[in-house]
Amino acid sequence: MKIVELLNRAYGDRLPLLPDDRDYAAALEETAQQYIAGQVYEELKAQGRLKDVPAFFLASLIELRNAQSVLNLVLKAEGDRVVAALDDRGIPAMVLKGARLSERLYGNAGVRSTSDIDLLVKPEDLLAAGEIVRALGYESLPPDRKSPYHTEFTMPMPAGGLDFHVELHWHLVKPDFFRLDCLPLWERATRVAPYGRVYELSAADLFYTLCLHGAKHGMSSLKHVLDIVAALRRYPDEIEFEPLLARAQAEDTYGMVVMCLSVVYRLFPLLHRRKFFGSCRNWFPWNQRLAWKRVEGYAPFRGGFAYYVQRTIFELAKYDRNRYRARYLRELAFQK
């Protein structure tokens, strides 16, 4: 991908960042497709390279970033309304992603594009939390069998054309594939002012869950990759790989964490200078352009052999036990 090439050259202080305007146009198209304009802008800004891109590229990047920012701010206001309602009713809620994640990674709610409001609630509070969300005007969506650890609600935005989505999680991964314990996440969380019962993850837990989230989606979008890059820059002292991997081994998420970080470090190898990752796996095939086809809804059996090989290897490698891999293959074979 041209945008990956551009960022790599920015990290390595190599000029020009891309050979010609056609390459910049291709990088801009990839940026628009993946809704990462704000993240790309911040990465170039952090490297002091905004002055080294063509004027048309920078102008278009800013335009895309601003459009995403407006939507983010609308979603932030709605997210604040939802968490305030839960807080007023005494329901603890953990803010997982959304505009708050953008604030934590980039210092601005409008940088990282988002499309929904993700909250973690305790299992015993799920029904009450759902009732509160419905009282705000939301409707429940049918359960998603691929994500049996959250329930989703939707409501049309006042301007029309788009919907608000609220996801209430009681877990972060499929419990029958991993042994992740969510209780320590609550114990280490910090309160979000001005609320009394609204929390956010510790920096180490945030990084852990970003790895799990990216691997869950097969590292299909550069948004997930750049989340990791930004977290490594924002929390260099709080992120420690040795305890992270020990924790992942204990919770059967080692494959998830290592596969996520392996993709990130293989795409941006200069990250090793920032924080060396010695467990990087280099044996599996990886092409980020192929990974993106998962988001595009790639049509089966239309010249897609390489895509399915890459995706299947990644999925099998992210599970720590053979029984999980066998369960994944069974579900894949009999899915409707």
Protein backbone atom coordinates (compact mmCIF):
# COMPACT_ATOMS: atom_id res chain seq x y z
CA MET A 1 0.00 0.00 0.00
CA LYS A 2 1.28 3.45 -0.91
CA ILE A 3 0.19 4.97 2.38
CA VAL A 4 2.29 2.36 4.24
CA GLU A 5 5.26 3.23 2.02
CA LEU A 6 4.73 6.93 2.70
CA LEU A 7 4.63 6.49 6.48
CA ASN A 8 7.65 4.19 6.49
CA ARG A 9 9.69 6.78 4.63
CA ALA A 10 8.46 9.45 7.05
CA TYR A 11 9.56 7.33 10.03
CA GLY A 12 12.95 6.79 8.38
CA ASP A 13 13.48 10.45 7.40
CA ARG A 14 13.70 9.46 3.75
CA LEU A 15 12.81 12.03 1.12
CA PRO A 16 10.90 12.22 -1.10
CA LEU A 17 8.16 10.43 0.80
CA LEU A 18 6.73 9.12 -2.49
CA PRO A 19 8.11 9.32 -6.04
CA ASP A 20 5.38 11.29 -7.81
CA ASP A 21 1.85 12.72 -7.68
CA ARG A 22 0.29 9.46 -8.89
CA ASP A 23 1.65 7.68 -5.84
CA TYR A 24 0.36 10.42 -3.56
CA ALA A 25 -3.06 10.16 -5.22
CA ALA A 26 -3.06 6.39 -4.61
CA ALA A 27 -2.06 6.92 -0.97
CA LEU A 28 -4.85 9.46 -0.59
CA GLU A 29 -7.39 7.04 -2.03
CA GLU A 30 -6.30 4.32 0.40
CA THR A 31 -6.54 6.82 3.25
CA ALA A 32 -10.07 7.80 2.29
CA GLN A 33 -11.19 4.17 1.88
CA GLN A 34 -10.01 3.23 5.35
CA TYR A 35 -11.10 6.43 7.13
CA ILE A 36 -7.62 7.07 8.53
CA ALA A 37 -7.07 10.67 7.38
CA GLY A 38 -6.86 12.01 10.93
CA GLN A 39 -4.44 9.30 12.00
CA VAL A 40 -2.22 9.78 8.93
CA TYR A 41 -2.19 13.54 9.50
CA GLU A 42 -1.12 13.07 13.13
CA GLU A 43 1.60 10.56 12.19
CA LEU A 44 3.07 12.96 9.62
CA LYS A 45 2.76 15.82 12.09
CA ALA A 46 4.55 13.83 14.80
CA GLN A 47 7.43 13.18 12.39
CA GLY A 48 7.54 16.81 11.23
CA ARG A 49 6.73 15.77 7.66
CA LEU A 50 3.59 17.74 6.80
CA LYS A 51 5.81 20.19 4.91
CA ASP A 52 7.18 17.39 2.74
CA VAL A 53 3.94 16.29 1.04
CA PRO A 54 2.44 18.00 -2.04
CA ALA A 55 -0.07 20.77 -1.45
CA PHE A 56 -2.93 18.83 -3.07
CA PHE A 57 -2.25 15.84 -0.81
CA LEU A 58 -2.16 17.92 2.37
CA ALA A 59 -5.29 19.89 1.41
CA SER A 60 -7.25 16.71 0.67
CA LEU A 61 -5.96 15.04 3.83
CA ILE A 62 -7.12 17.98 5.93
CA GLU A 63 -10.50 17.99 4.19
CA LEU A 64 -10.99 14.28 4.90
CA ARG A 65 -9.80 14.73 8.49
CA ASN A 66 -12.21 17.60 9.09
CA ALA A 67 -15.18 15.66 7.70
CA GLN A 68 -14.36 12.73 9.99
CA SER A 69 -13.91 15.12 12.90
CA VAL A 70 -17.42 16.55 12.53
CA LEU A 71 -18.96 13.08 12.69
CA ASN A 72 -16.75 12.19 15.65
CA LEU A 73 -17.93 15.20 17.60
CA VAL A 74 -21.57 14.31 16.92
CA LEU A 75 -20.89 10.77 18.15
CA LYS A 76 -19.03 12.11 21.18
CA ALA A 77 -22.03 14.22 22.19
CA GLU A 78 -24.32 11.21 21.85
CA GLY A 79 -21.88 9.01 23.73
CA ASP A 80 -21.80 11.54 26.56
CA ARG A 81 -25.61 11.41 26.67
CA VAL A 82 -25.57 7.61 26.93
CA VAL A 83 -22.92 7.35 29.65
CA ALA A 84 -24.55 10.17 31.62
CA ALA A 85 -27.83 8.25 31.62
CA LEU A 86 -26.11 5.10 32.82
CA ASP A 87 -24.20 7.06 35.46
CA ASP A 88 -27.39 8.74 36.72
CA ARG A 89 -28.97 5.32 37.21
CA GLY A 90 -25.95 3.96 39.06
CA ILE A 91 -24.74 1.58 36.31
CA PRO A 92 -20.92 1.38 36.03
CA ALA A 93 -19.73 1.62 32.43
CA MET A 94 -16.27 1.38 30.87
CA VAL A 95 -15.61 3.47 27.74
CA LEU A 96 -13.77 1.19 25.30
CA LYS A 97 -13.21 3.06 22.04
CA GLY A 98 -15.00 5.88 20.23
CA ALA A 99 -14.13 9.54 20.68
CA ARG A 100 -12.54 8.92 24.08
CA LEU A 101 -9.98 6.58 22.48
CA SER A 102 -9.12 9.33 20.00
CA GLU A 103 -8.62 11.74 22.90
CA ARG A 104 -6.34 9.32 24.71
CA LEU A 105 -4.18 8.40 21.71
CA TYR A 106 -4.07 11.78 19.97
CA GLY A 107 -5.30 14.38 22.46
CA ASN A 108 -8.29 15.23 20.28
CA ALA A 109 -11.70 13.57 19.95
CA GLY A 110 -11.84 14.27 16.23
CA VAL A 111 -8.71 12.48 15.01
CA ARG A 112 -9.52 8.77 14.95
CA SER A 113 -12.65 7.98 12.97
CA THR A 114 -15.34 6.07 14.82
CA SER A 115 -18.78 4.75 14.01
CA ASP A 116 -20.29 3.57 17.28
CA ILE A 117 -20.34 3.87 21.04
CA ASP A 118 -18.64 0.89 22.72
CA LEU A 119 -19.14 0.36 26.44
CA LEU A 120 -18.22 -2.46 28.79
CA VAL A 121 -20.73 -3.20 31.52
CA LYS A 122 -20.73 -5.86 34.18
CA PRO A 123 -22.78 -8.97 33.29
CA GLU A 124 -25.15 -8.40 36.20
CA ASP A 125 -25.90 -4.87 34.91
CA LEU A 126 -26.50 -5.78 31.28
CA LEU A 127 -30.32 -5.96 31.38
CA ALA A 128 -30.66 -2.72 33.32
CA ALA A 129 -28.17 -0.98 31.02
CA GLY A 130 -30.11 -2.18 27.98
CA GLU A 131 -33.34 -0.77 29.39
CA ILE A 132 -31.69 2.61 29.93
CA VAL A 133 -30.35 2.69 26.36
CA ARG A 134 -33.79 1.80 24.97
CA ALA A 135 -35.34 4.56 27.08
CA LEU A 136 -33.04 6.99 25.22
CA GLY A 137 -34.75 6.07 21.96
CA TYR A 138 -32.65 3.12 20.77
CA GLU A 139 -33.92 -0.16 19.36
CA SER A 140 -32.29 -3.53 19.96
CA LEU A 141 -30.71 -5.29 17.00
CA PRO A 142 -30.82 -9.08 16.57
CA PRO A 143 -27.98 -10.96 18.30
CA ASP A 144 -24.81 -11.39 16.26
CA ARG A 145 -23.69 -15.01 16.52
CA LYS A 146 -20.16 -14.00 15.47
CA SER A 147 -19.91 -11.67 18.48
CA PRO A 148 -21.68 -13.43 21.36
CA TYR A 149 -20.29 -11.03 23.95
CA HIS A 150 -22.15 -7.82 23.22
CA THR A 151 -25.60 -6.57 22.39
CA GLU A 152 -26.19 -3.76 19.90
CA PHE A 153 -28.69 -0.91 19.74
CA THR A 154 -29.41 1.56 16.96
CA MET A 155 -31.17 4.89 16.49
CA PRO A 156 -31.29 7.21 13.44
CA MET A 157 -29.29 10.41 13.72
CA PRO A 158 -31.45 13.55 13.72
CA ALA A 159 -29.96 14.70 10.38
CA GLY A 160 -30.79 11.36 8.76
CA GLY A 161 -28.70 9.17 6.53
CA LEU A 162 -26.72 7.58 9.36
CA ASP A 163 -27.51 5.75 12.57
CA PHE A 164 -26.14 5.92 16.08
CA HIS A 165 -24.93 2.52 17.30
CA VAL A 166 -24.40 1.56 20.92
CA GLU A 167 -22.67 -1.71 21.77
CA LEU A 168 -22.94 -2.96 25.33
CA HIS A 169 -20.19 -5.50 25.96
CA TRP A 170 -20.15 -7.85 28.89
CA HIS A 171 -16.96 -9.46 27.55
CA LEU A 172 -14.32 -8.56 24.96
CA VAL A 173 -13.74 -11.87 23.18
CA LYS A 174 -15.56 -15.16 22.67
CA PRO A 175 -15.39 -16.84 26.09
CA ASP A 176 -15.27 -20.34 24.56
CA PHE A 177 -12.08 -19.50 22.62
CA PHE A 178 -10.13 -17.62 25.30
CA ARG A 179 -9.80 -17.37 29.08
CA LEU A 180 -9.72 -13.58 29.32
CA ASP A 181 -10.80 -12.33 32.74
CA CYS A 182 -12.49 -8.93 32.59
CA LEU A 183 -12.57 -8.38 36.35
CA PRO A 184 -8.97 -7.06 36.55
CA LEU A 185 -9.85 -4.51 33.87
CA TRP A 186 -12.37 -3.00 36.26
CA GLU A 187 -9.98 -3.15 39.20
CA ARG A 188 -7.29 -1.19 37.35
CA ALA A 189 -9.63 1.25 35.60
CA THR A 190 -9.69 4.96 36.37
CA ARG A 191 -12.77 7.14 36.70
CA VAL A 192 -13.65 9.57 33.91
CA ALA A 193 -14.54 13.02 35.20
CA PRO A 194 -17.12 14.39 35.84
CA TYR A 195 -18.94 11.09 36.20
CA GLY A 196 -19.13 8.94 39.29
CA ARG A 197 -19.40 5.50 37.65
CA VAL A 198 -17.87 5.92 34.20
CA TYR A 199 -14.39 4.47 33.76
CA GLU A 200 -11.61 3.99 31.23
CA LEU A 201 -8.97 1.29 30.88
CA SER A 202 -5.48 1.68 32.31
CA ALA A 203 -2.84 2.36 29.65
CA ALA A 204 -1.54 -1.23 29.78
CA ASP A 205 -5.06 -2.66 29.55
CA LEU A 206 -5.89 -0.28 26.72
CA PHE A 207 -2.92 -1.54 24.71
CA TYR A 208 -3.86 -5.14 25.46
CA THR A 209 -7.43 -4.65 24.30
CA LEU A 210 -6.30 -2.77 21.17
CA CYS A 211 -4.23 -5.83 20.27
CA LEU A 212 -7.21 -8.12 20.86
CA HIS A 213 -9.52 -5.86 18.85
CA GLY A 214 -7.15 -5.67 15.91
CA ALA A 215 -6.57 -9.43 15.86
CA LYS A 216 -10.30 -10.07 16.19
CA HIS A 217 -10.79 -8.16 12.94
CA GLY A 218 -7.87 -9.87 11.24
CA MET A 219 -5.83 -6.62 11.16
CA SER A 220 -7.93 -5.83 8.12
CA SER A 221 -7.84 -2.05 8.48
CA LEU A 222 -4.86 0.25 8.89
CA LYS A 223 -6.94 2.01 11.55
CA HIS A 224 -6.14 -0.86 13.94
CA VAL A 225 -2.48 -0.83 12.92
CA LEU A 226 -2.14 2.91 13.52
CA ASP A 227 -3.89 2.55 16.89
CA ILE A 228 -0.98 0.38 18.01
CA VAL A 229 1.59 2.79 16.55
CA ALA A 230 -0.03 5.72 18.36
CA ALA A 231 -0.28 3.82 21.66
CA LEU A 232 3.41 2.93 21.54
CA ARG A 233 4.23 6.60 21.11
CA ARG A 234 1.72 7.83 23.71
CA TYR A 235 2.47 5.25 26.45
CA PRO A 236 6.10 4.15 26.02
CA ASP A 237 6.69 3.58 29.72
CA GLU A 238 3.34 1.96 30.58
CA ILE A 239 3.54 -0.65 27.80
CA GLU A 240 5.85 -3.55 28.69
CA PHE A 241 5.93 -6.56 26.39
CA GLU A 242 7.18 -9.15 28.88
CA PRO A 243 4.28 -8.87 31.36
CA LEU A 244 1.85 -8.37 28.45
CA LEU A 245 2.86 -11.67 26.84
CA ALA A 246 2.88 -13.49 30.18
CA ARG A 247 -0.64 -12.27 30.81
CA ALA A 248 -1.70 -13.27 27.30
CA GLN A 249 -0.31 -16.78 27.78
CA ALA A 250 -2.30 -17.16 30.99
CA GLU A 251 -5.51 -16.02 29.26
CA ASP A 252 -5.03 -17.96 26.00
CA THR A 253 -4.73 -14.72 24.04
CA TYR A 254 -1.02 -15.01 23.27
CA GLY A 255 -1.65 -15.74 19.60
CA MET A 256 -3.98 -12.76 19.34
CA VAL A 257 -1.44 -10.35 20.80
CA VAL A 258 1.57 -11.71 18.90
CA MET A 259 -0.19 -11.88 15.54
CA CYS A 260 -1.44 -8.31 15.94
CA LEU A 261 1.96 -6.93 16.90
CA SER A 262 3.71 -9.02 14.24
CA VAL A 263 1.60 -7.39 11.54
CA VAL A 264 2.25 -3.92 12.94
CA TYR A 265 6.00 -4.42 13.24
CA ARG A 266 6.29 -6.05 9.84
CA LEU A 267 4.48 -3.13 8.21
CA PHE A 268 6.54 -0.58 10.16
CA PRO A 269 9.86 -2.25 11.10
CA LEU A 270 11.36 1.02 12.36
CA LEU A 271 9.07 0.66 15.39
CA HIS A 272 11.73 -1.67 16.79
CA ARG A 273 13.82 1.45 17.42
CA ARG A 274 11.00 2.87 19.53
CA LYS A 275 10.26 -0.34 21.44
CA PHE A 276 11.83 -3.62 20.36
CA PHE A 277 9.44 -6.54 19.93
CA GLY A 278 11.42 -9.77 20.05
CA SER A 279 8.48 -12.13 19.54
CA CYS A 280 7.65 -10.88 16.04
CA ARG A 281 6.52 -13.75 13.80
CA ASN A 282 7.85 -13.64 10.26
CA TRP A 283 6.79 -17.05 8.98
CA PHE A 284 3.20 -16.24 7.95
CA PRO A 285 2.29 -14.50 4.68
CA TRP A 286 1.06 -10.93 4.97
CA ASN A 287 -0.18 -8.44 2.41
CA GLN A 288 -2.10 -5.51 3.87
CA ARG A 289 -3.91 -4.87 0.60
CA LEU A 290 -5.28 -8.43 0.72
CA ALA A 291 -6.25 -8.00 4.39
CA TRP A 292 -8.34 -4.94 3.52
CA LYS A 293 -10.49 -7.07 1.20
CA ARG A 294 -12.11 -8.52 4.31
CA VAL A 295 -13.67 -5.12 4.99
CA GLU A 296 -14.60 -4.69 1.35
CA GLY A 297 -16.68 -7.87 1.48
CA TYR A 298 -14.46 -9.83 -0.87
CA ALA A 299 -16.47 -12.06 -3.23
CA PRO A 300 -15.56 -15.74 -2.71
CA PHE A 301 -13.78 -17.78 -5.34
CA ARG A 302 -13.07 -14.90 -7.75
CA GLY A 303 -9.33 -15.02 -7.94
CA GLY A 304 -9.14 -14.80 -4.17
CA PHE A 305 -7.00 -17.83 -3.32
CA ALA A 306 -4.16 -15.77 -1.83
CA TYR A 307 -6.63 -13.81 0.29
CA TYR A 308 -8.18 -16.93 1.79
CA VAL A 309 -4.81 -18.55 2.43
CA GLN A 310 -3.59 -15.45 4.29
CA ARG A 311 -6.80 -15.03 6.25
CA THR A 312 -7.07 -18.69 7.26
CA ILE A 313 -3.44 -18.87 8.40
CA PHE A 314 -3.88 -15.70 10.46
CA GLU A 315 -7.08 -16.96 12.07
CA LEU A 316 -5.60 -20.34 12.99
CA ALA A 317 -2.39 -18.77 14.31
CA LYS A 318 -4.21 -16.40 16.64
CA TYR A 319 -5.66 -19.30 18.67
CA ASP A 320 -3.49 -20.81 21.38
CA ARG A 321 -4.95 -24.30 21.55
CA ASN A 322 -5.81 -26.95 19.00
CA ARG A 323 -9.33 -27.31 20.37
CA TYR A 324 -9.94 -23.62 19.61
CA ARG A 325 -8.62 -24.09 16.08
CA ALA A 326 -10.85 -27.14 15.58
CA ARG A 327 -13.85 -25.18 16.85
CA TYR A 328 -13.05 -22.32 14.47
CA LEU A 329 -12.84 -24.71 11.50
CA ARG A 330 -16.14 -26.36 12.47
CA GLU A 331 -17.86 -22.99 12.70
CA LEU A 332 -16.35 -21.96 9.37
CA ALA A 333 -17.51 -25.16 7.67
CA PHE A 334 -21.07 -25.01 8.96
CA GLN A 335 -21.71 -21.28 8.98
CA LYS A 336 -24.84 -20.14 7.21
